[in-house]
């Protein structure tokens, strides 16, 4: 059942790994090598460079055409689901990541609206996507496929998947995967909005966990 989301999650992992690579050098584990080499060559960052955060989250939304069967809309207001900052570090929009994602037809096939974000300090990082899926896509099977494929890609060159767990944070089920290399991946669904939040995180501050604990649907 994993086929329908493989392309989508490949694009998500490439762009989130790219924005993760902007973290300060004390976090060397979060680089483009977080994803498989085959995925990285599918959707490289513009001009061969990694993306940089584009600024604070805003409430604007803009349509973005794609070569797929539909279109996806960049809607930065989705980031209001996340905390605006973690330990005084602002959660910022990663606009270039959206631009990369919409080049993948699988992304636009499954996602109606999305926003990418990153938050960093010299010792911690969290990066990921808030994706509003197309109607009637979000069910247990889709979410399980999404998580499995995303986790495998995120952990492929970070020591592989080490453990999978499920817990409750802020009254919501959160799925947590740890990679052998120290990366942690978080997923949560917000069914009432057809939204999936997927983040990877590294550092003792556990920024990903803090964001997932305080989702604000």
Protein backbone atom coordinates (compact mmCIF):
# COMPACT_ATOMS: atom_id res chain seq x y z
CA UNK A 1 0.00 0.00 0.00
CA UNK A 2 2.99 2.31 0.11
CA UNK A 3 3.11 3.17 -3.59
CA UNK A 4 0.68 6.13 -3.62
CA UNK A 5 2.73 8.17 -1.16
CA UNK A 6 6.32 7.28 -2.05
CA UNK A 7 6.82 10.15 -4.49
CA UNK A 8 5.12 12.61 -2.20
CA UNK A 9 7.28 11.72 0.77
CA UNK A 10 10.43 11.69 -1.31
CA UNK A 11 9.82 15.34 -2.15
CA UNK A 12 9.00 16.19 1.47
CA UNK A 13 12.18 14.56 2.74
CA UNK A 14 14.40 16.26 0.19
CA UNK A 15 13.16 19.74 0.95
CA UNK A 16 13.00 19.33 4.72
CA UNK A 17 16.49 17.86 4.76
CA UNK A 18 17.65 20.81 2.69
CA UNK A 19 16.34 23.35 5.16
CA UNK A 20 17.76 21.28 7.99
CA UNK A 21 21.17 21.66 6.42
CA UNK A 22 21.07 25.36 7.26
CA UNK A 23 21.54 24.58 10.94
CA UNK A 24 24.77 25.78 12.60
CA UNK A 25 27.75 23.46 12.42
CA UNK A 26 27.29 21.97 15.93
CA UNK A 27 24.54 19.81 14.32
CA UNK A 28 26.47 18.05 11.53
CA UNK A 29 24.10 15.07 11.41
CA UNK A 30 21.31 17.07 9.76
CA UNK A 31 22.42 17.41 6.17
CA UNK A 32 21.25 16.40 2.72
CA UNK A 33 22.65 12.93 3.45
CA UNK A 34 19.68 12.44 5.76
CA UNK A 35 17.76 11.24 2.69
CA UNK A 36 18.77 8.56 0.18
CA UNK A 37 21.04 9.71 -2.63
CA UNK A 38 18.43 8.69 -5.20
CA UNK A 39 15.92 11.05 -3.61
CA UNK A 40 18.40 13.89 -3.43
CA UNK A 41 19.09 13.67 -7.15
CA UNK A 42 15.37 13.69 -7.90
CA UNK A 43 14.79 17.17 -6.53
CA UNK A 44 18.00 19.11 -5.81
CA UNK A 45 17.90 22.49 -4.15
CA UNK A 46 17.95 25.53 -6.47
CA UNK A 47 21.35 26.17 -8.00
CA UNK A 48 22.72 23.20 -6.10
CA UNK A 49 22.58 25.04 -2.78
CA UNK A 50 20.56 24.40 0.32
CA UNK A 51 17.53 26.49 1.07
CA UNK A 52 17.47 29.21 3.69
CA UNK A 53 14.56 30.24 5.92
CA UNK A 54 12.65 33.01 4.18
CA UNK A 55 11.25 34.83 7.20
CA UNK A 56 8.56 34.65 9.86
CA UNK A 57 5.32 32.81 9.24
CA UNK A 58 2.57 34.90 7.69
CA UNK A 59 -1.11 34.40 7.02
CA UNK A 60 -0.78 34.73 3.25
CA UNK A 61 -1.64 32.04 0.75
CA UNK A 62 -0.55 31.86 -2.88
CA UNK A 63 -1.47 29.42 -5.63
CA UNK A 64 1.34 27.43 -7.18
CA UNK A 65 0.87 25.57 -10.44
CA UNK A 66 2.51 22.21 -10.92
CA UNK A 67 3.09 19.71 -13.69
CA UNK A 68 1.00 17.10 -11.88
CA UNK A 69 -2.70 16.31 -12.04
CA UNK A 70 -3.62 19.28 -9.86
CA UNK A 71 -2.13 22.19 -8.02
CA UNK A 72 -1.02 22.77 -4.47
CA UNK A 73 -1.32 26.05 -2.65
CA UNK A 74 1.34 27.48 -0.39
CA UNK A 75 -0.59 28.57 2.66
CA UNK A 76 1.70 29.89 5.37
CA UNK A 77 -1.29 30.36 7.66
CA UNK A 78 -1.13 26.59 8.26
CA UNK A 79 1.94 27.27 10.39
CA UNK A 80 -0.37 28.82 12.97
CA UNK A 81 -0.90 25.19 13.98
CA UNK A 82 2.68 25.28 15.30
CA UNK A 83 4.08 27.36 18.11
CA UNK A 84 5.49 30.66 16.82
CA UNK A 85 8.76 29.99 18.65
CA UNK A 86 10.58 27.33 20.63
CA UNK A 87 12.80 28.47 23.51
CA UNK A 88 12.93 32.00 22.03
CA UNK A 89 13.94 30.68 18.59
CA UNK A 90 11.38 31.70 15.93
CA UNK A 91 9.64 29.16 13.74
CA UNK A 92 10.22 30.51 10.24
CA UNK A 93 8.74 29.78 6.83
CA UNK A 94 10.80 27.70 4.43
CA UNK A 95 9.37 28.98 1.15
CA UNK A 96 11.99 27.44 -1.10
CA UNK A 97 11.03 24.01 0.19
CA UNK A 98 7.46 24.49 -1.01
CA UNK A 99 8.73 25.55 -4.42
CA UNK A 100 10.69 22.31 -4.65
CA UNK A 101 7.82 20.16 -3.41
CA UNK A 102 5.29 21.35 -5.99
CA UNK A 103 7.58 20.18 -8.79
CA UNK A 104 6.65 16.63 -7.83
CA UNK A 105 3.30 15.49 -9.31
CA UNK A 106 2.81 13.13 -6.36
CA UNK A 107 2.88 16.09 -4.00
CA UNK A 108 0.17 18.00 -5.83
CA UNK A 109 -1.88 14.82 -6.27
CA UNK A 110 -2.19 14.33 -2.52
CA UNK A 111 -1.71 17.78 -0.97
CA UNK A 112 -4.12 20.69 -1.37
CA UNK A 113 -2.22 23.19 0.79
CA UNK A 114 1.08 23.12 2.63
CA UNK A 115 3.63 25.16 4.48
CA UNK A 116 7.19 24.26 5.41
CA UNK A 117 8.97 25.52 8.51
CA UNK A 118 12.26 25.35 10.36
CA UNK A 119 13.46 26.41 13.81
CA UNK A 120 17.12 26.31 14.79
CA UNK A 121 19.57 27.23 17.51
CA UNK A 122 23.30 26.43 17.66
CA UNK A 123 22.44 23.11 19.36
CA UNK A 124 18.92 22.15 18.22
CA UNK A 125 16.83 21.92 15.08
CA UNK A 126 13.33 20.97 14.02
CA UNK A 127 12.13 21.09 10.44
CA UNK A 128 9.13 19.81 8.58
CA UNK A 129 5.80 20.36 6.90
CA UNK A 130 2.18 21.06 7.75
CA UNK A 131 0.22 19.50 4.90
CA UNK A 132 -3.51 19.75 4.31
CA UNK A 133 -4.45 16.72 2.23
CA UNK A 134 -7.11 16.53 -0.42
CA UNK A 135 -10.55 15.50 0.87
CA UNK A 136 -11.14 11.88 1.91
CA UNK A 137 -7.45 10.91 1.69
CA UNK A 138 -6.60 10.97 5.38
CA UNK A 139 -7.38 7.60 6.91
CA UNK A 140 -5.44 5.08 8.99
CA UNK A 141 -4.00 3.34 5.94
CA UNK A 142 -2.78 6.51 4.28
CA UNK A 143 -1.29 7.80 7.51
CA UNK A 144 0.53 4.52 8.14
CA UNK A 145 1.94 4.55 4.59
CA UNK A 146 2.99 8.19 5.00
CA UNK A 147 4.79 7.50 8.27
CA UNK A 148 6.56 4.34 7.12
CA UNK A 149 7.87 5.83 3.90
CA UNK A 150 8.87 9.14 5.49
CA UNK A 151 10.64 7.38 8.35
CA UNK A 152 12.57 5.05 6.07
CA UNK A 153 13.73 7.97 3.95
CA UNK A 154 14.65 10.16 6.92
CA UNK A 155 16.60 7.38 8.63
CA UNK A 156 18.16 5.79 5.55
CA UNK A 157 21.50 7.54 6.01
CA UNK A 158 21.05 8.41 9.68
CA UNK A 159 21.63 4.92 11.06
CA UNK A 160 18.36 3.41 9.88
CA UNK A 161 15.12 3.15 11.82
CA UNK A 162 15.93 2.15 15.40
CA UNK A 163 12.60 2.32 17.23
CA UNK A 164 8.97 3.21 16.61
CA UNK A 165 6.68 4.43 19.36
CA UNK A 166 3.28 5.97 19.87
CA UNK A 167 2.40 8.38 22.63
CA UNK A 168 -0.05 11.12 23.55
CA UNK A 169 1.12 14.73 23.56
CA UNK A 170 -1.28 17.56 24.21
CA UNK A 171 -4.20 15.14 24.01
CA UNK A 172 -3.26 14.00 20.49
CA UNK A 173 -1.68 10.78 19.25
CA UNK A 174 1.91 11.39 18.12
CA UNK A 175 4.03 8.79 16.33
CA UNK A 176 7.74 8.93 17.11
CA UNK A 177 10.53 7.21 15.22
CA UNK A 178 14.16 7.36 16.26
CA UNK A 179 17.00 6.80 13.82
CA UNK A 180 20.23 5.07 14.79
CA UNK A 181 22.16 8.30 14.18
CA UNK A 182 20.13 10.36 16.66
CA UNK A 183 17.54 11.94 14.38
CA UNK A 184 13.96 11.80 15.66
CA UNK A 185 10.89 11.93 13.41
CA UNK A 186 7.43 12.96 14.60
CA UNK A 187 4.02 12.65 12.96
CA UNK A 188 0.57 13.75 14.05
CA UNK A 189 -2.75 13.92 12.24
CA UNK A 190 -5.42 16.58 12.68
CA UNK A 191 -8.39 14.79 11.07
CA UNK A 192 -10.82 17.66 11.55
CA UNK A 193 -8.69 19.69 9.13
CA UNK A 194 -7.36 16.85 6.91
CA UNK A 195 -3.89 17.88 8.09
CA UNK A 196 -0.73 15.89 8.71
CA UNK A 197 2.22 17.42 10.56
CA UNK A 198 5.58 15.73 10.01
CA UNK A 199 8.80 16.97 11.58
CA UNK A 200 12.32 15.74 12.10
CA UNK A 201 14.36 16.97 15.02
CA UNK A 202 17.79 16.69 16.54
CA UNK A 203 19.29 18.10 19.72
CA UNK A 204 18.77 17.75 23.45
CA UNK A 205 16.10 20.45 23.43
CA UNK A 206 13.74 18.11 21.56
CA UNK A 207 12.25 20.91 19.51
CA UNK A 208 10.14 18.46 17.52
CA UNK A 209 8.55 17.12 20.67
CA UNK A 210 7.86 20.61 21.95
CA UNK A 211 6.14 21.56 18.70
CA UNK A 212 4.04 18.38 18.66
CA UNK A 213 2.99 18.82 22.28
CA UNK A 214 1.52 22.22 21.56
CA UNK A 215 -0.22 21.85 18.21
CA UNK A 216 -2.96 24.46 17.88
CA UNK A 217 -5.51 23.25 15.35
